[in-house]
């Protein structure tokens, strides 16, 4: 059995139980997970995997891991994944350290940080609770350091193929540490394709194209690691015996790994590129940065998390919902500021619950309006419908129809930014969502074509009156296709 700090774990689990009402046995399932024999399962743990293996609802598993991080059971990390090789190029403990672009030395490419796809949020058990090998990467075997610590567990070269880390164990004919100021010799037979020799510590990369047309035999190569650079950087060799000597010109221990890419793999990559595709890794589902930014639990537990810099972080696809009140100025004049203010705040509570129960997050309130974000369009529309029901019930409870809601929803690319010390979204998608809301009248929802055509939305609206329109929106040069959604037809 693993050694745990039992008293601290008991205290933290008790603290976690008080955060909110959890489903039966959820916290005990987490405790069981923290005691697993596979110590690597507790490194960059995936809450979706936990949910599937232990019979927990995915949304609750995400909230569980977030709050477990807040109380100190886990350390949450934001990992920037290279879409080409699956390496966790950078890992940060806070969102504000995540940069707008990053560079993968192994693939020799600059990558735009996209919260949807390349930002993996993982959860590693705190060393105060239980020490695991990943807490001390310098003490790892070179195989574990490469294939477990640096490569994303979720990466696969093909959707149904083996995990990348498992495949790389087979495709790496040589992996070793190199001691400071030492030399290291490698000998192997090279087949047609490509040999990539690299050091994941210094980011030095050497590429050898193995070309059958190249005359042999190959001369021995001497490679030097100097300040993270590979010298020479690229060469062509013939199939057959391949010898190299690597000089570690550093006062630190570095590594050497040789990756073999068969010619068939290179040909397949070229075929995909020629057909307009991307030579990208496939990833099992993981908790993305976008999912967290649309989580109320994250915004509550980590309200001080912000995005640094003026560039923001890219989001390729997010759904934005805006609400507003019809004739709210007249309401304030009619019933007085105090009563109107109380009603507006109560309506905020109702709308907030509708957002949270439909897997969204309230971004901010603006006067009498609400802005909310959702990962999936169908959740945004479901929240909008629930909002109308909530406000109808609310008006019946107070005995007067003072709160009259108007809603607009749009999806598209955006930039996640920090405004007024809060996580926010910026860009034309936000502008259009706001303009679309302005089209709505009392008890109406307007959604754009991008929302209406999304999976599940049409089916959700089958009992409603849906009218297509072409409209002009301020600040948008093209005509926009929208759909007016009204009260269920009689």
Protein backbone atom coordinates (compact mmCIF):
# COMPACT_ATOMS: atom_id res chain seq x y z
CA UNK A 1 0.00 0.00 0.00
CA UNK A 2 1.24 3.51 -0.74
CA UNK A 3 2.40 5.69 2.12
CA UNK A 4 0.06 8.60 2.71
CA UNK A 5 -0.04 11.45 5.16
CA UNK A 6 -3.23 10.01 6.63
CA UNK A 7 -4.05 12.81 9.04
CA UNK A 8 -3.56 15.54 6.44
CA UNK A 9 -5.57 13.58 3.89
CA UNK A 10 -8.42 13.17 6.37
CA UNK A 11 -8.40 16.90 7.07
CA UNK A 12 -8.39 17.83 3.37
CA UNK A 13 -11.16 15.37 2.49
CA UNK A 14 -13.27 16.74 5.33
CA UNK A 15 -12.66 20.24 4.01
CA UNK A 16 -13.62 19.08 0.52
CA UNK A 17 -16.87 17.55 1.76
CA UNK A 18 -17.92 20.93 3.17
CA UNK A 19 -17.41 22.83 -0.10
CA UNK A 20 -20.74 21.73 -1.54
CA UNK A 21 -23.17 18.83 -1.55
CA UNK A 22 -21.60 15.96 -3.47
CA UNK A 23 -23.32 12.89 -4.84
CA UNK A 24 -23.16 9.82 -2.57
CA UNK A 25 -19.69 8.22 -2.30
CA UNK A 26 -18.02 10.71 -4.67
CA UNK A 27 -15.48 11.87 -2.10
CA UNK A 28 -14.80 8.27 -1.01
CA UNK A 29 -14.16 7.38 -4.67
CA UNK A 30 -11.62 10.18 -4.82
CA UNK A 31 -9.95 8.86 -1.67
CA UNK A 32 -9.76 5.40 -3.24
CA UNK A 33 -8.18 6.93 -6.33
CA UNK A 34 -5.55 8.70 -4.22
CA UNK A 35 -4.53 5.30 -2.83
CA UNK A 36 -4.03 3.54 -6.19
CA UNK A 37 -0.90 1.45 -6.67
CA UNK A 38 -0.17 3.04 -10.07
CA UNK A 39 1.68 6.16 -8.97
CA UNK A 40 1.71 7.58 -12.52
CA UNK A 41 -2.09 7.68 -12.49
CA UNK A 42 -1.72 10.53 -9.98
CA UNK A 43 0.45 12.59 -12.33
CA UNK A 44 -1.52 15.01 -14.55
CA UNK A 45 -4.64 13.02 -13.73
CA UNK A 46 -7.56 13.37 -16.13
CA UNK A 47 -10.95 13.95 -14.43
CA UNK A 48 -12.79 12.52 -17.46
CA UNK A 49 -10.86 9.26 -17.11
CA UNK A 50 -11.62 9.25 -13.39
CA UNK A 51 -15.32 9.78 -14.14
CA UNK A 52 -15.45 6.92 -16.66
CA UNK A 53 -13.56 4.45 -14.50
CA UNK A 54 -15.37 5.19 -11.24
CA UNK A 55 -18.92 5.89 -12.33
CA UNK A 56 -18.97 9.62 -11.57
CA UNK A 57 -20.74 12.25 -13.70
CA UNK A 58 -18.18 14.14 -15.76
CA UNK A 59 -19.25 17.60 -14.65
CA UNK A 60 -19.09 16.58 -11.01
CA UNK A 61 -15.68 14.97 -11.54
CA UNK A 62 -14.35 18.24 -12.96
CA UNK A 63 -15.76 20.19 -10.02
CA UNK A 64 -14.37 17.59 -7.62
CA UNK A 65 -10.85 17.89 -9.00
CA UNK A 66 -11.04 21.69 -9.04
CA UNK A 67 -12.13 21.97 -5.43
CA UNK A 68 -9.68 19.23 -4.42
CA UNK A 69 -6.96 21.46 -5.89
CA UNK A 70 -8.33 24.45 -4.03
CA UNK A 71 -8.13 22.67 -0.65
CA UNK A 72 -4.63 21.32 -1.39
CA UNK A 73 -5.13 17.69 -2.41
CA UNK A 74 -4.00 18.26 -6.00
CA UNK A 75 -1.64 20.62 -7.77
CA UNK A 76 -3.34 21.88 -10.93
CA UNK A 77 -1.13 22.43 -13.98
CA UNK A 78 -1.74 24.12 -17.34
CA UNK A 79 0.21 22.11 -19.92
CA UNK A 80 0.88 23.37 -23.45
CA UNK A 81 0.74 20.37 -25.79
CA UNK A 82 2.43 20.27 -29.16
CA UNK A 83 -0.16 19.04 -31.69
CA UNK A 84 2.59 17.51 -33.82
CA UNK A 85 4.42 15.31 -31.33
CA UNK A 86 2.31 15.26 -28.15
CA UNK A 87 5.03 16.66 -25.89
CA UNK A 88 3.96 18.79 -22.94
CA UNK A 89 6.25 21.63 -24.05
CA UNK A 90 5.55 23.81 -21.01
CA UNK A 91 3.75 23.27 -17.72
CA UNK A 92 2.55 26.12 -15.53
CA UNK A 93 0.89 26.14 -12.12
CA UNK A 94 -1.15 29.27 -12.87
CA UNK A 95 -3.14 30.49 -15.86
CA UNK A 96 -1.42 33.86 -15.76
CA UNK A 97 1.87 32.16 -16.72
CA UNK A 98 0.42 30.67 -19.92
CA UNK A 99 1.84 32.46 -22.98
CA UNK A 100 0.05 33.33 -26.23
CA UNK A 101 2.50 31.31 -28.36
CA UNK A 102 5.05 28.61 -27.69
CA UNK A 103 7.76 26.78 -29.61
CA UNK A 104 8.25 23.02 -29.95
CA UNK A 105 11.91 22.35 -30.63
CA UNK A 106 11.28 18.73 -31.54
CA UNK A 107 8.89 19.75 -34.35
CA UNK A 108 10.67 23.08 -35.02
CA UNK A 109 7.38 25.01 -35.10
CA UNK A 110 5.83 27.98 -33.36
CA UNK A 111 2.34 27.21 -32.05
CA UNK A 112 -0.48 29.57 -31.17
CA UNK A 113 -1.83 28.71 -27.73
CA UNK A 114 -5.44 27.70 -28.24
CA UNK A 115 -7.40 27.03 -25.09
CA UNK A 116 -9.68 24.56 -26.89
CA UNK A 117 -7.04 22.16 -28.14
CA UNK A 118 -3.51 22.71 -26.91
CA UNK A 119 -4.00 23.66 -23.25
CA UNK A 120 -4.31 20.51 -21.16
CA UNK A 121 -5.28 20.92 -17.51
CA UNK A 122 -4.00 18.11 -15.32
CA UNK A 123 -4.05 17.33 -11.61
CA UNK A 124 -1.06 15.90 -9.73
CA UNK A 125 -1.36 14.76 -6.14
CA UNK A 126 0.26 17.16 -3.70
CA UNK A 127 3.59 15.89 -2.28
CA UNK A 128 2.28 16.86 1.15
CA UNK A 129 -0.39 14.18 0.73
CA UNK A 130 1.63 11.52 -1.08
CA UNK A 131 5.02 11.54 -2.78
CA UNK A 132 5.19 10.00 -6.25
CA UNK A 133 8.14 9.65 -8.66
CA UNK A 134 6.92 12.51 -10.89
CA UNK A 135 7.51 14.95 -8.03
CA UNK A 136 11.27 14.46 -8.55
CA UNK A 137 11.89 14.31 -12.32
CA UNK A 138 15.67 14.37 -11.85
CA UNK A 139 15.47 10.96 -10.14
CA UNK A 140 13.41 9.29 -12.88
CA UNK A 141 14.74 6.65 -15.20
CA UNK A 142 15.38 8.12 -18.62
CA UNK A 143 12.49 6.09 -20.07
CA UNK A 144 10.03 7.42 -17.51
CA UNK A 145 11.39 10.92 -17.92
CA UNK A 146 10.77 10.87 -21.66
CA UNK A 147 7.68 8.78 -22.15
CA UNK A 148 5.73 9.38 -18.96
CA UNK A 149 6.85 12.78 -17.69
CA UNK A 150 7.17 14.72 -20.94
CA UNK A 151 4.70 13.13 -23.36
CA UNK A 152 0.96 13.61 -22.87
CA UNK A 153 -0.76 10.43 -21.77
CA UNK A 154 -3.71 11.21 -24.06
CA UNK A 155 -1.72 11.53 -27.32
CA UNK A 156 -2.17 8.96 -30.13
CA UNK A 157 -0.78 9.10 -33.70
CA UNK A 158 -4.09 7.70 -35.02
CA UNK A 159 -7.55 7.85 -33.42
CA UNK A 160 -7.74 4.10 -32.74
CA UNK A 161 -4.04 3.40 -32.49
CA UNK A 162 -1.80 2.89 -29.47
CA UNK A 163 -0.92 5.71 -27.14
CA UNK A 164 2.03 7.76 -28.32
CA UNK A 165 4.11 7.03 -25.21
CA UNK A 166 3.64 3.27 -25.75
CA UNK A 167 4.51 3.56 -29.45
CA UNK A 168 7.54 5.73 -28.80
CA UNK A 169 9.00 3.11 -26.48
CA UNK A 170 9.12 0.83 -29.54
CA UNK A 171 10.18 3.51 -32.03
CA UNK A 172 13.03 4.88 -29.89
CA UNK A 173 15.93 2.51 -30.53
CA UNK A 174 18.07 4.41 -28.03
CA UNK A 175 17.38 6.56 -24.96
CA UNK A 176 19.98 7.49 -22.36
CA UNK A 177 21.22 10.10 -19.92
CA UNK A 178 24.55 11.80 -20.64
CA UNK A 179 26.54 12.94 -17.65
CA UNK A 180 28.06 16.45 -17.49
CA UNK A 181 31.04 16.99 -19.82
CA UNK A 182 30.81 13.38 -20.97
CA UNK A 183 30.71 11.69 -24.36
CA UNK A 184 28.11 9.14 -25.41
CA UNK A 185 28.31 6.69 -28.31
CA UNK A 186 25.36 5.31 -30.29
CA UNK A 187 25.45 2.58 -32.97
CA UNK A 188 22.45 1.24 -34.90
CA UNK A 189 21.19 0.15 -38.29
CA UNK A 190 19.28 2.90 -40.12
CA UNK A 191 16.33 1.97 -42.34
CA UNK A 192 14.77 4.30 -44.96
CA UNK A 193 12.89 7.11 -43.23
CA UNK A 194 14.14 9.63 -40.72
CA UNK A 195 16.16 9.50 -37.53
CA UNK A 196 15.57 12.32 -35.08
CA UNK A 197 18.20 12.64 -32.38
CA UNK A 198 17.19 15.00 -29.62
CA UNK A 199 17.71 16.09 -26.04
CA UNK A 200 14.49 17.10 -24.33
CA UNK A 201 16.45 18.91 -21.59
CA UNK A 202 18.35 21.38 -23.77
CA UNK A 203 15.92 21.19 -26.73
CA UNK A 204 18.74 20.31 -29.13
CA UNK A 205 17.47 18.43 -32.21
CA UNK A 206 19.43 16.68 -34.98
CA UNK A 207 17.60 15.28 -38.02
CA UNK A 208 19.01 12.56 -40.28
CA UNK A 209 17.13 11.76 -43.48
CA UNK A 210 17.82 8.13 -44.35
CA UNK A 211 17.76 8.15 -48.16
CA UNK A 212 18.30 4.92 -50.20
CA UNK A 213 19.78 7.10 -52.98
CA UNK A 214 22.52 8.35 -50.69
CA UNK A 215 25.84 6.52 -51.26
CA UNK A 216 27.27 4.67 -48.30
CA UNK A 217 28.78 3.65 -46.04
CA UNK A 218 28.01 6.39 -43.51
CA UNK A 219 30.85 8.20 -41.84
CA UNK A 220 30.71 8.51 -38.04
CA UNK A 221 29.06 11.70 -36.79
CA UNK A 222 30.14 13.81 -33.85
CA UNK A 223 27.33 15.91 -32.36
CA UNK A 224 27.76 18.57 -29.71
CA UNK A 225 25.25 20.04 -27.26
CA UNK A 226 26.25 23.67 -26.82
CA UNK A 227 23.80 26.06 -25.15
CA UNK A 228 20.83 24.07 -26.39
CA UNK A 229 21.85 24.03 -30.06
CA UNK A 230 22.50 21.02 -32.24
CA UNK A 231 25.64 21.10 -34.41
CA UNK A 232 25.16 20.03 -37.18
CA UNK A 233 21.40 20.46 -37.31
CA UNK A 234 20.47 18.26 -40.30
CA UNK A 235 22.16 15.67 -42.51
CA UNK A 236 21.35 12.98 -45.06
CA UNK A 237 22.67 9.45 -44.59
CA UNK A 238 22.39 6.13 -46.37
CA UNK A 239 20.57 3.07 -45.00
CA UNK A 240 22.82 0.78 -43.00
CA UNK A 241 25.22 1.19 -40.13
CA UNK A 242 24.95 4.52 -38.34
CA UNK A 243 27.37 5.69 -35.67
CA UNK A 244 27.40 8.91 -33.72
CA UNK A 245 29.21 10.33 -30.73
CA UNK A 246 27.52 13.03 -28.70
CA UNK A 247 29.47 15.52 -26.60
CA UNK A 248 27.61 16.96 -23.65
CA UNK A 249 29.28 20.35 -23.46
CA UNK A 250 27.31 21.30 -20.35
CA UNK A 251 27.90 21.22 -16.61
CA UNK A 252 24.57 19.43 -16.19
CA UNK A 253 23.23 16.01 -17.01
CA UNK A 254 21.42 15.94 -20.33
CA UNK A 255 19.82 13.21 -22.41
CA UNK A 256 19.91 11.54 -25.79
CA UNK A 257 16.93 9.98 -27.53
CA UNK A 258 16.78 8.60 -31.05
CA UNK A 259 13.35 8.49 -32.70
CA UNK A 260 12.87 6.49 -35.90
CA UNK A 261 10.16 7.59 -38.32
CA UNK A 262 9.64 4.90 -41.02
CA UNK A 263 9.30 6.06 -44.61
CA UNK A 264 5.67 4.87 -44.61
CA UNK A 265 4.92 7.26 -41.72
CA UNK A 266 6.57 10.19 -43.54
CA UNK A 267 4.66 9.36 -46.73
CA UNK A 268 1.35 9.30 -44.81
CA UNK A 269 2.08 12.72 -43.30
CA UNK A 270 2.81 14.13 -46.76
CA UNK A 271 -0.41 12.59 -48.10
CA UNK A 272 -2.46 14.23 -45.33
CA UNK A 273 -0.83 17.59 -45.96
CA UNK A 274 -1.39 17.31 -49.73
CA UNK A 275 -5.08 16.66 -49.10
CA UNK A 276 -5.35 19.80 -47.00
CA UNK A 277 -5.27 18.00 -43.66
CA UNK A 278 -3.09 18.52 -40.62
CA UNK A 279 -0.27 16.23 -39.60
CA UNK A 280 -1.46 16.35 -36.01
CA UNK A 281 -1.66 14.04 -33.08
CA UNK A 282 -5.01 12.74 -31.96
CA UNK A 283 -5.77 13.23 -28.29
CA UNK A 284 -8.07 11.31 -26.00
CA UNK A 285 -10.48 13.70 -24.34
CA UNK A 286 -8.83 15.83 -21.69
CA UNK A 287 -9.84 18.82 -19.61
CA UNK A 288 -9.09 21.84 -21.77
CA UNK A 289 -8.47 25.43 -20.81
CA UNK A 290 -11.67 26.39 -22.63
CA UNK A 291 -13.70 23.97 -20.50
CA UNK A 292 -12.36 25.59 -17.34
CA UNK A 293 -13.12 29.11 -18.52
CA UNK A 294 -16.75 28.01 -19.00
CA UNK A 295 -16.88 26.48 -15.50
CA UNK A 296 -18.51 28.35 -12.63
CA UNK A 297 -16.66 26.09 -10.18
CA UNK A 298 -13.32 27.25 -11.61
CA UNK A 299 -14.33 30.90 -11.49
CA UNK A 300 -15.46 30.50 -7.88
CA UNK A 301 -12.53 28.41 -6.62
CA UNK A 302 -9.84 30.32 -8.55
CA UNK A 303 -11.32 33.77 -8.83
CA UNK A 304 -7.88 35.38 -8.72
CA UNK A 305 -6.69 33.49 -11.81
CA UNK A 306 -6.11 35.92 -14.67
CA UNK A 307 -4.51 36.05 -18.09
CA UNK A 308 -1.42 38.19 -18.25
CA UNK A 309 -0.41 40.44 -21.11
CA UNK A 310 -2.35 42.38 -23.69
CA UNK A 311 -2.54 39.64 -26.35
CA UNK A 312 -4.88 37.30 -24.49
CA UNK A 313 -5.27 33.61 -25.30
CA UNK A 314 -7.02 32.29 -28.38
CA UNK A 315 -10.24 30.27 -28.23
CA UNK A 316 -11.25 28.73 -31.55
CA UNK A 317 -14.87 27.99 -30.69
CA UNK A 318 -16.96 29.23 -27.79
CA UNK A 319 -20.65 30.06 -27.37
CA UNK A 320 -21.56 33.44 -25.89
CA UNK A 321 -24.98 34.28 -24.45
CA UNK A 322 -26.25 37.76 -23.60
CA UNK A 323 -29.44 38.68 -21.75
CA UNK A 324 -31.06 42.02 -21.11
CA UNK A 325 -34.29 43.31 -19.62
CA UNK A 326 -37.00 44.89 -21.73
CA UNK A 327 -37.85 48.45 -20.67
CA UNK A 328 -35.86 48.23 -17.44
CA UNK A 329 -35.57 52.04 -17.25
CA UNK A 330 -39.36 52.32 -17.18
CA UNK A 331 -39.47 49.66 -14.45
CA UNK A 332 -37.07 51.64 -12.25
CA UNK A 333 -39.21 54.73 -12.77
CA UNK A 334 -42.44 52.85 -12.11
CA UNK A 335 -41.61 50.88 -8.95
CA UNK A 336 -38.63 52.81 -7.58
CA UNK A 337 -34.92 52.12 -7.44
CA UNK A 338 -34.86 49.98 -4.28
CA UNK A 339 -37.55 47.55 -5.37
CA UNK A 340 -36.26 47.40 -8.94
CA UNK A 341 -32.70 46.78 -7.72
CA UNK A 342 -33.90 43.94 -5.49
CA UNK A 343 -35.82 42.33 -8.36
CA UNK A 344 -32.86 42.64 -10.72
CA UNK A 345 -30.52 41.00 -8.21
CA UNK A 346 -32.97 38.14 -7.67
CA UNK A 347 -33.26 37.68 -11.42
CA UNK A 348 -29.45 37.49 -11.60
CA UNK A 349 -29.56 34.59 -9.13
CA UNK A 350 -32.11 32.75 -11.28
CA UNK A 351 -30.12 33.27 -14.46
CA UNK A 352 -26.90 32.23 -12.75
CA UNK A 353 -28.43 28.91 -11.71
CA UNK A 354 -29.68 28.32 -15.25
CA UNK A 355 -26.18 28.95 -16.59
CA UNK A 356 -24.43 26.72 -14.05
CA UNK A 357 -26.83 23.77 -14.38
CA UNK A 358 -26.25 23.84 -18.14
CA UNK A 359 -22.44 23.67 -17.96
CA UNK A 360 -21.74 27.35 -18.47
CA UNK A 361 -20.23 30.22 -16.53
CA UNK A 362 -21.41 33.75 -15.89
CA UNK A 363 -18.66 35.95 -17.28
CA UNK A 364 -20.06 39.22 -15.92
CA UNK A 365 -23.12 41.34 -15.38
CA UNK A 366 -23.42 44.65 -17.20
CA UNK A 367 -26.10 46.86 -15.68
CA UNK A 368 -29.22 44.68 -15.97
CA UNK A 369 -27.61 42.29 -18.47
CA UNK A 370 -25.76 38.99 -18.14
CA UNK A 371 -22.94 37.66 -20.31
CA UNK A 372 -22.29 33.92 -20.08
CA UNK A 373 -19.98 31.48 -21.87
CA UNK A 374 -20.51 27.84 -22.83
CA UNK A 375 -18.30 25.19 -24.31
CA UNK A 376 -21.16 23.62 -26.31
CA UNK A 377 -23.83 25.56 -28.27
CA UNK A 378 -26.63 23.20 -27.22
CA UNK A 379 -25.89 23.98 -23.57
CA UNK A 380 -26.16 27.71 -24.27
CA UNK A 381 -29.55 27.28 -25.92
CA UNK A 382 -30.78 24.96 -23.18
CA UNK A 383 -29.71 27.59 -20.62
CA UNK A 384 -31.58 30.30 -22.57
CA UNK A 385 -34.78 28.27 -22.55
CA UNK A 386 -34.41 27.57 -18.84
CA UNK A 387 -33.87 31.28 -18.21
CA UNK A 388 -37.24 32.09 -19.77
CA UNK A 389 -38.92 29.44 -17.62
CA UNK A 390 -37.16 30.70 -14.49
CA UNK A 391 -38.18 34.30 -15.09
CA UNK A 392 -41.77 33.31 -15.82
CA UNK A 393 -41.88 31.41 -12.53
CA UNK A 394 -40.18 34.31 -10.75
CA UNK A 395 -42.78 36.82 -12.00
CA UNK A 396 -45.57 34.53 -10.83
CA UNK A 397 -43.99 34.32 -7.37
CA UNK A 398 -43.68 38.09 -6.97
CA UNK A 399 -47.18 38.59 -8.41
CA UNK A 400 -46.25 41.02 -11.16
CA UNK A 401 -44.54 40.84 -14.54
CA UNK A 402 -41.78 43.34 -13.99
CA UNK A 403 -38.84 41.27 -15.26
CA UNK A 404 -39.08 40.67 -19.01
CA UNK A 405 -36.12 38.90 -20.60
CA UNK A 406 -34.47 39.16 -24.03
CA UNK A 407 -31.69 36.74 -25.04
CA UNK A 408 -29.14 36.38 -27.86
CA UNK A 409 -26.65 33.57 -28.54
CA UNK A 410 -23.73 33.27 -30.99
CA UNK A 411 -20.63 31.09 -31.30
CA UNK A 412 -17.22 31.46 -32.88
CA UNK A 413 -13.60 32.33 -32.21
CA UNK A 414 -12.69 34.67 -29.40
CA UNK A 415 -9.83 35.90 -27.25
CA UNK A 416 -9.77 35.17 -23.53
CA UNK A 417 -8.52 38.25 -21.69
CA UNK A 418 -8.48 39.85 -18.27
CA UNK A 419 -10.68 42.92 -17.89
CA UNK A 420 -11.26 44.61 -14.55
CA UNK A 421 -9.41 41.76 -12.80
CA UNK A 422 -11.84 39.16 -14.21
CA UNK A 423 -11.58 36.57 -16.96
CA UNK A 424 -13.49 37.86 -19.96
CA UNK A 425 -13.84 37.33 -23.71
CA UNK A 426 -13.13 39.82 -26.46
CA UNK A 427 -13.66 39.97 -30.22
CA UNK A 428 -16.23 39.93 -32.99
CA UNK A 429 -17.99 36.82 -31.69
CA UNK A 430 -18.79 38.70 -28.49
CA UNK A 431 -19.88 41.76 -30.47
CA UNK A 432 -22.24 39.73 -32.65
CA UNK A 433 -23.73 37.92 -29.65
CA UNK A 434 -24.49 41.28 -28.06
CA UNK A 435 -25.98 42.68 -31.28
CA UNK A 436 -28.11 39.55 -31.76
CA UNK A 437 -29.50 39.96 -28.27
CA UNK A 438 -30.50 43.47 -29.26
CA UNK A 439 -32.80 42.02 -31.93
CA UNK A 440 -34.91 40.17 -29.36
CA UNK A 441 -38.18 41.42 -27.98
CA UNK A 442 -39.95 40.31 -24.80
CA UNK A 443 -39.54 36.58 -24.02
CA UNK A 444 -37.62 35.99 -27.24
CA UNK A 445 -34.35 34.27 -27.98
CA UNK A 446 -32.34 35.06 -31.08
CA UNK A 447 -29.65 32.58 -32.15
CA UNK A 448 -27.31 32.81 -35.11
CA UNK A 449 -27.06 30.19 -37.83
CA UNK A 450 -23.81 28.98 -36.27
CA UNK A 451 -25.74 28.11 -33.11
CA UNK A 452 -28.85 26.75 -34.80
CA UNK A 453 -26.89 24.31 -37.00
CA UNK A 454 -24.87 22.94 -34.07
CA UNK A 455 -25.54 19.35 -32.92
CA UNK A 456 -28.67 18.99 -30.81
CA UNK A 457 -29.99 22.54 -31.16
CA UNK A 458 -32.70 21.94 -33.78
CA UNK A 459 -34.01 18.98 -31.79
CA UNK A 460 -34.11 21.10 -28.66
CA UNK A 461 -36.25 23.72 -30.40
CA UNK A 462 -38.79 21.44 -32.11
CA UNK A 463 -41.65 22.59 -29.83
CA UNK A 464 -40.86 26.28 -30.31
CA UNK A 465 -41.75 28.72 -33.03
CA UNK A 466 -38.52 29.27 -34.96
CA UNK A 467 -38.37 31.93 -37.68
CA UNK A 468 -35.28 32.42 -39.90
CA UNK A 469 -34.22 35.95 -40.81
CA UNK A 470 -31.42 37.79 -42.60
CA UNK A 471 -30.34 40.87 -40.65
CA UNK A 472 -27.79 43.64 -40.72
CA UNK A 473 -25.86 44.18 -37.50
CA UNK A 474 -23.92 47.28 -36.55
CA UNK A 475 -20.21 46.75 -37.11
CA UNK A 476 -20.71 43.60 -39.21
CA UNK A 477 -20.28 44.07 -42.96
CA UNK A 478 -22.04 40.89 -44.05
CA UNK A 479 -25.67 39.92 -43.61
CA UNK A 480 -26.13 37.59 -40.65
CA UNK A 481 -28.49 34.60 -40.61
CA UNK A 482 -30.43 34.45 -37.36
CA UNK A 483 -33.40 32.54 -35.95
CA UNK A 484 -36.06 34.04 -33.70
CA UNK A 485 -37.19 31.57 -31.05
CA UNK A 486 -40.54 32.29 -29.42
CA UNK A 487 -42.80 30.72 -26.80
CA UNK A 488 -43.87 27.12 -27.60
CA UNK A 489 -46.57 27.03 -30.25
CA UNK A 490 -50.05 26.33 -28.99
